[in-house]
């Protein structure tokens, strides 16, 4: 799906590190993670991707 619109936000280094860590732990890009969070998708942090999936 094409996404022609862009959203920007400012965060501290610490906030960025937390967001990046959560996204990576789920095997997501930061953009996909933030999209899911902003659209109120329930994210279950107890489910971890396998090592092979997180390398993609």
PDB file of N, CA and C in Angstrom:
ATOM      1  N   UNK A   1       0.839  -1.175   0.000  1.00  0.00           N
ATOM      2  CA  UNK A   1       0.000   0.000   0.000  1.00  0.00           C
ATOM      3  C   UNK A   1       0.888   1.244   0.000  1.00  0.00           C
ATOM      4  N   UNK A   2       0.625   2.149  -0.902  1.00  0.00           N
ATOM      5  CA  UNK A   2       1.385   3.395  -0.956  1.00  0.00           C
ATOM      6  C   UNK A   2       1.012   4.274   0.235  1.00  0.00           C
ATOM      7  N   UNK A   3       1.987   4.963   0.762  1.00  0.00           N
ATOM      8  CA  UNK A   3       1.763   5.859   1.896  1.00  0.00           C
ATOM      9  C   UNK A   3       2.336   7.230   1.513  1.00  0.00           C
ATOM     10  N   UNK A   4       1.518   8.083   0.920  1.00  0.00           N
ATOM     11  CA  UNK A   4       2.028   9.358   0.425  1.00  0.00           C
ATOM     12  C   UNK A   4       2.236  10.429   1.497  1.00  0.00           C
ATOM     13  N   UNK A   5       1.697  10.241   2.685  1.00  0.00           N
ATOM     14  CA  UNK A   5       1.806  11.256   3.741  1.00  0.00           C
ATOM     15  C   UNK A   5       2.934  10.928   4.708  1.00  0.00           C
ATOM     16  N   UNK A   6       3.526  11.948   5.293  1.00  0.00           N
ATOM     17  CA  UNK A   6       4.632  11.783   6.232  1.00  0.00           C
ATOM     18  C   UNK A   6       4.272  12.443   7.549  1.00  0.00           C
ATOM     19  N   UNK A   7       4.606  11.765   8.651  1.00  0.00           N
ATOM     20  CA  UNK A   7       4.467  12.331   9.994  1.00  0.00           C
ATOM     21  C   UNK A   7       5.849  12.431  10.609  1.00  0.00           C
ATOM     22  N   UNK A   8       6.070  13.488  11.365  1.00  0.00           N
ATOM     23  CA  UNK A   8       7.350  13.648  12.048  1.00  0.00           C
ATOM     24  C   UNK A   8       7.091  13.952  13.511  1.00  0.00           C
ATOM     25  N   UNK A   9       8.002  13.516  14.365  1.00  0.00           N
ATOM     26  CA  UNK A   9       7.905  13.843  15.783  1.00  0.00           C
ATOM     27  C   UNK A   9       9.302  13.972  16.356  1.00  0.00           C
ATOM     28  N   UNK A  10       9.413  14.746  17.393  1.00  0.00           N
ATOM     29  CA  UNK A  10      10.706  14.923  18.052  1.00  0.00           C
ATOM     30  C   UNK A  10      10.713  14.099  19.331  1.00  0.00           C
ATOM     31  N   UNK A  11      11.831  13.424  19.569  1.00  0.00           N
ATOM     32  CA  UNK A  11      12.005  12.620  20.773  1.00  0.00           C
ATOM     33  C   UNK A  11      13.416  12.840  21.306  1.00  0.00           C
ATOM     34  N   UNK A  12      13.610  12.526  22.573  1.00  0.00           N
ATOM     35  CA  UNK A  12      14.954  12.585  23.152  1.00  0.00           C
ATOM     36  C   UNK A  12      15.729  11.356  22.699  1.00  0.00           C
ATOM     37  N   UNK A  13      17.035  11.366  22.941  1.00  0.00           N
ATOM     38  CA  UNK A  13      17.851  10.196  22.622  1.00  0.00           C
ATOM     39  C   UNK A  13      17.346   8.969  23.375  1.00  0.00           C
ATOM     40  N   UNK A  14      16.985   9.170  24.642  1.00  0.00           N
ATOM     41  CA  UNK A  14      16.496   8.062  25.462  1.00  0.00           C
ATOM     42  C   UNK A  14      15.177   7.512  24.917  1.00  0.00           C
ATOM     43  N   UNK A  15      14.273   8.401  24.532  1.00  0.00           N
ATOM     44  CA  UNK A  15      12.988   7.960  23.965  1.00  0.00           C
ATOM     45  C   UNK A  15      13.210   7.194  22.665  1.00  0.00           C
ATOM     46  N   UNK A  16      14.115   7.704  21.824  1.00  0.00           N
ATOM     47  CA  UNK A  16      14.414   7.037  20.565  1.00  0.00           C
ATOM     48  C   UNK A  16      14.951   5.635  20.816  1.00  0.00           C
ATOM     49  N   UNK A  17      15.860   5.517  21.789  1.00  0.00           N
ATOM     50  CA  UNK A  17      16.451   4.216  22.104  1.00  0.00           C
ATOM     51  C   UNK A  17      15.375   3.220  22.550  1.00  0.00           C
ATOM     52  N   UNK A  18      14.420   3.672  23.360  1.00  0.00           N
ATOM     53  CA  UNK A  18      13.340   2.799  23.817  1.00  0.00           C
ATOM     54  C   UNK A  18      12.473   2.371  22.642  1.00  0.00           C
ATOM     55  N   UNK A  19      12.103   3.320  21.798  1.00  0.00           N
ATOM     56  CA  UNK A  19      11.266   3.016  20.628  1.00  0.00           C
ATOM     57  C   UNK A  19      11.986   2.048  19.701  1.00  0.00           C
ATOM     58  N   UNK A  20      13.261   2.311  19.437  1.00  0.00           N
ATOM     59  CA  UNK A  20      14.043   1.453  18.554  1.00  0.00           C
ATOM     60  C   UNK A  20      14.150   0.035  19.124  1.00  0.00           C
ATOM     61  N   UNK A  21      14.407  -0.066  20.416  1.00  0.00           N
ATOM     62  CA  UNK A  21      14.529  -1.372  21.059  1.00  0.00           C
ATOM     63  C   UNK A  21      13.220  -2.156  20.971  1.00  0.00           C
ATOM     64  N   UNK A  22      12.098  -1.494  21.227  1.00  0.00           N
ATOM     65  CA  UNK A  22      10.797  -2.172  21.155  1.00  0.00           C
ATOM     66  C   UNK A  22      10.502  -2.622  19.729  1.00  0.00           C
ATOM     67  N   UNK A  23      10.774  -1.764  18.751  1.00  0.00           N
ATOM     68  CA  UNK A  23      10.538  -2.126  17.351  1.00  0.00           C
ATOM     69  C   UNK A  23      11.389  -3.330  16.959  1.00  0.00           C
ATOM     70  N   UNK A  24      12.664  -3.281  17.291  1.00  0.00           N
ATOM     71  CA  UNK A  24      13.566  -4.384  16.941  1.00  0.00           C
ATOM     72  C   UNK A  24      13.169  -5.677  17.628  1.00  0.00           C
ATOM     73  N   UNK A  25      12.704  -5.577  18.875  1.00  0.00           N
ATOM     74  CA  UNK A  25      12.326  -6.786  19.607  1.00  0.00           C
ATOM     75  C   UNK A  25      11.148  -7.493  18.953  1.00  0.00           C
ATOM     76  N   UNK A  26      10.368  -6.737  18.182  1.00  0.00           N
ATOM     77  CA  UNK A  26       9.215  -7.307  17.480  1.00  0.00           C
ATOM     78  C   UNK A  26       9.516  -7.594  16.014  1.00  0.00           C
ATOM     79  N   UNK A  27      10.740  -7.317  15.585  1.00  0.00           N
ATOM     80  CA  UNK A  27      11.102  -7.542  14.192  1.00  0.00           C
ATOM     81  C   UNK A  27      10.472  -6.525  13.257  1.00  0.00           C
ATOM     82  N   UNK A  28      10.219  -5.307  13.772  1.00  0.00           N
ATOM     83  CA  UNK A  28       9.574  -4.262  12.980  1.00  0.00           C
ATOM     84  C   UNK A  28      10.526  -3.101  12.743  1.00  0.00           C
ATOM     85  N   UNK A  29      10.247  -2.352  11.699  1.00  0.00           N
ATOM     86  CA  UNK A  29      10.939  -1.078  11.519  1.00  0.00           C
ATOM     87  C   UNK A  29      10.321  -0.091  12.503  1.00  0.00           C
ATOM     88  N   UNK A  30      11.025   0.988  12.765  1.00  0.00           N
ATOM     89  CA  UNK A  30      10.470   2.009  13.646  1.00  0.00           C
ATOM     90  C   UNK A  30       9.178   2.561  13.045  1.00  0.00           C
ATOM     91  N   UNK A  31       9.147   2.763  11.742  1.00  0.00           N
ATOM     92  CA  UNK A  31       7.938   3.276  11.091  1.00  0.00           C
ATOM     93  C   UNK A  31       6.750   2.345  11.294  1.00  0.00           C
ATOM     94  N   UNK A  32       6.956   1.057  11.076  1.00  0.00           N
ATOM     95  CA  UNK A  32       5.852   0.105  11.255  1.00  0.00           C
ATOM     96  C   UNK A  32       5.430   0.029  12.714  1.00  0.00           C
ATOM     97  N   UNK A  33       6.393   0.046  13.626  1.00  0.00           N
ATOM     98  CA  UNK A  33       6.072   0.007  15.048  1.00  0.00           C
ATOM     99  C   UNK A  33       5.238   1.237  15.440  1.00  0.00           C
ATOM    100  N   UNK A  34       5.695   2.423  15.051  1.00  0.00           N
ATOM    101  CA  UNK A  34       4.980   3.648  15.415  1.00  0.00           C
ATOM    102  C   UNK A  34       3.587   3.695  14.781  1.00  0.00           C
ATOM    103  N   UNK A  35       3.478   3.198  13.556  1.00  0.00           N
ATOM    104  CA  UNK A  35       2.174   3.159  12.905  1.00  0.00           C
ATOM    105  C   UNK A  35       1.212   2.286  13.706  1.00  0.00           C
ATOM    106  N   UNK A  36       1.701   1.130  14.157  1.00  0.00           N
ATOM    107  CA  UNK A  36       0.857   0.230  14.932  1.00  0.00           C
ATOM    108  C   UNK A  36       0.465   0.861  16.272  1.00  0.00           C
ATOM    109  N   UNK A  37       1.426   1.478  16.937  1.00  0.00           N
ATOM    110  CA  UNK A  37       1.140   2.111  18.225  1.00  0.00           C
ATOM    111  C   UNK A  37       0.139   3.255  18.050  1.00  0.00           C
ATOM    112  N   UNK A  38       0.359   4.084  17.053  1.00  0.00           N
ATOM    113  CA  UNK A  38      -0.527   5.239  16.839  1.00  0.00           C
ATOM    114  C   UNK A  38      -1.934   4.832  16.431  1.00  0.00           C
ATOM    115  N   UNK A  39      -2.058   3.699  15.784  1.00  0.00           N
ATOM    116  CA  UNK A  39      -3.383   3.245  15.348  1.00  0.00           C
ATOM    117  C   UNK A  39      -4.005   2.289  16.357  1.00  0.00           C
ATOM    118  N   UNK A  40      -3.437   2.247  17.559  1.00  0.00           N
ATOM    119  CA  UNK A  40      -3.986   1.475  18.680  1.00  0.00           C
ATOM    120  C   UNK A  40      -4.039  -0.025  18.428  1.00  0.00           C
ATOM    121  N   UNK A  41      -3.046  -0.530  17.718  1.00  0.00           N
ATOM    122  CA  UNK A  41      -2.949  -1.966  17.535  1.00  0.00           C
ATOM    123  C   UNK A  41      -2.335  -2.533  18.804  1.00  0.00           C
ATOM    124  N   UNK A  42      -2.942  -3.574  19.365  1.00  0.00           N
ATOM    125  CA  UNK A  42      -2.396  -4.184  20.569  1.00  0.00           C
ATOM    126  C   UNK A  42      -1.131  -4.947  20.200  1.00  0.00           C
ATOM    127  N   UNK A  43      -0.041  -4.641  20.891  1.00  0.00           N
ATOM    128  CA  UNK A  43       1.241  -5.277  20.639  1.00  0.00           C
ATOM    129  C   UNK A  43       1.583  -6.137  21.838  1.00  0.00           C
ATOM    130  N   UNK A  44       1.817  -7.412  21.601  1.00  0.00           N
ATOM    131  CA  UNK A  44       2.132  -8.351  22.659  1.00  0.00           C
ATOM    132  C   UNK A  44       3.640  -8.537  22.724  1.00  0.00           C
ATOM    133  N   UNK A  45       4.279  -7.967  23.744  1.00  0.00           N
ATOM    134  CA  UNK A  45       5.731  -8.042  23.865  1.00  0.00           C
ATOM    135  C   UNK A  45       6.199  -9.391  24.381  1.00  0.00           C
ATOM    136  N   UNK A  46       5.278 -10.272  24.754  1.00  0.00           N
ATOM    137  CA  UNK A  46       5.688 -11.591  25.225  1.00  0.00           C
ATOM    138  C   UNK A  46       6.035 -12.517  24.062  1.00  0.00           C
ATOM    139  N   UNK A  47       5.657 -12.129  22.846  1.00  0.00           N
ATOM    140  CA  UNK A  47       5.963 -12.924  21.656  1.00  0.00           C
ATOM    141  C   UNK A  47       7.227 -12.358  21.030  1.00  0.00           C
ATOM    142  N   UNK A  48       8.244 -13.187  20.901  1.00  0.00           N
ATOM    143  CA  UNK A  48       9.515 -12.760  20.343  1.00  0.00           C
ATOM    144  C   UNK A  48       9.759 -13.457  19.000  1.00  0.00           C
ATOM    145  N   UNK A  49      10.192 -12.708  17.972  1.00  0.00           N
ATOM    146  CA  UNK A  49      10.503 -13.352  16.693  1.00  0.00           C
ATOM    147  C   UNK A  49      11.731 -14.236  16.830  1.00  0.00           C
ATOM    148  N   UNK A  50      11.816 -15.231  15.974  1.00  0.00           N
ATOM    149  CA  UNK A  50      13.012 -16.079  15.988  1.00  0.00           C
ATOM    150  C   UNK A  50      14.181 -15.262  15.454  1.00  0.00           C
ATOM    151  N   UNK A  51      15.392 -15.725  15.666  1.00  0.00           N
ATOM    152  CA  UNK A  51      16.576 -14.985  15.207  1.00  0.00           C
ATOM    153  C   UNK A  51      16.556 -14.791  13.707  1.00  0.00           C
ATOM    154  N   UNK A  52      16.121 -15.800  12.947  1.00  0.00           N
ATOM    155  CA  UNK A  52      16.076 -15.682  11.493  1.00  0.00           C
ATOM    156  C   UNK A  52      15.126 -14.595  11.055  1.00  0.00           C
ATOM    157  N   UNK A  53      13.983 -14.456  11.716  1.00  0.00           N
ATOM    158  CA  UNK A  53      13.009 -13.427  11.346  1.00  0.00           C
ATOM    159  C   UNK A  53      13.526 -12.033  11.671  1.00  0.00           C
ATOM    160  N   UNK A  54      14.232 -11.864  12.786  1.00  0.00           N
ATOM    161  CA  UNK A  54      14.701 -10.532  13.193  1.00  0.00           C
ATOM    162  C   UNK A  54      15.838 -10.027  12.319  1.00  0.00           C
ATOM    163  N   UNK A  55      16.483 -10.912  11.545  1.00  0.00           N
ATOM    164  CA  UNK A  55      17.568 -10.481  10.656  1.00  0.00           C
ATOM    165  C   UNK A  55      17.039  -9.875   9.368  1.00  0.00           C
ATOM    166  N   UNK A  56      15.762 -10.086   9.045  1.00  0.00           N
ATOM    167  CA  UNK A  56      15.191  -9.550   7.797  1.00  0.00           C
ATOM    168  C   UNK A  56      14.860  -8.108   7.918  1.00  0.00           C
TER     169      UNK A  56
END
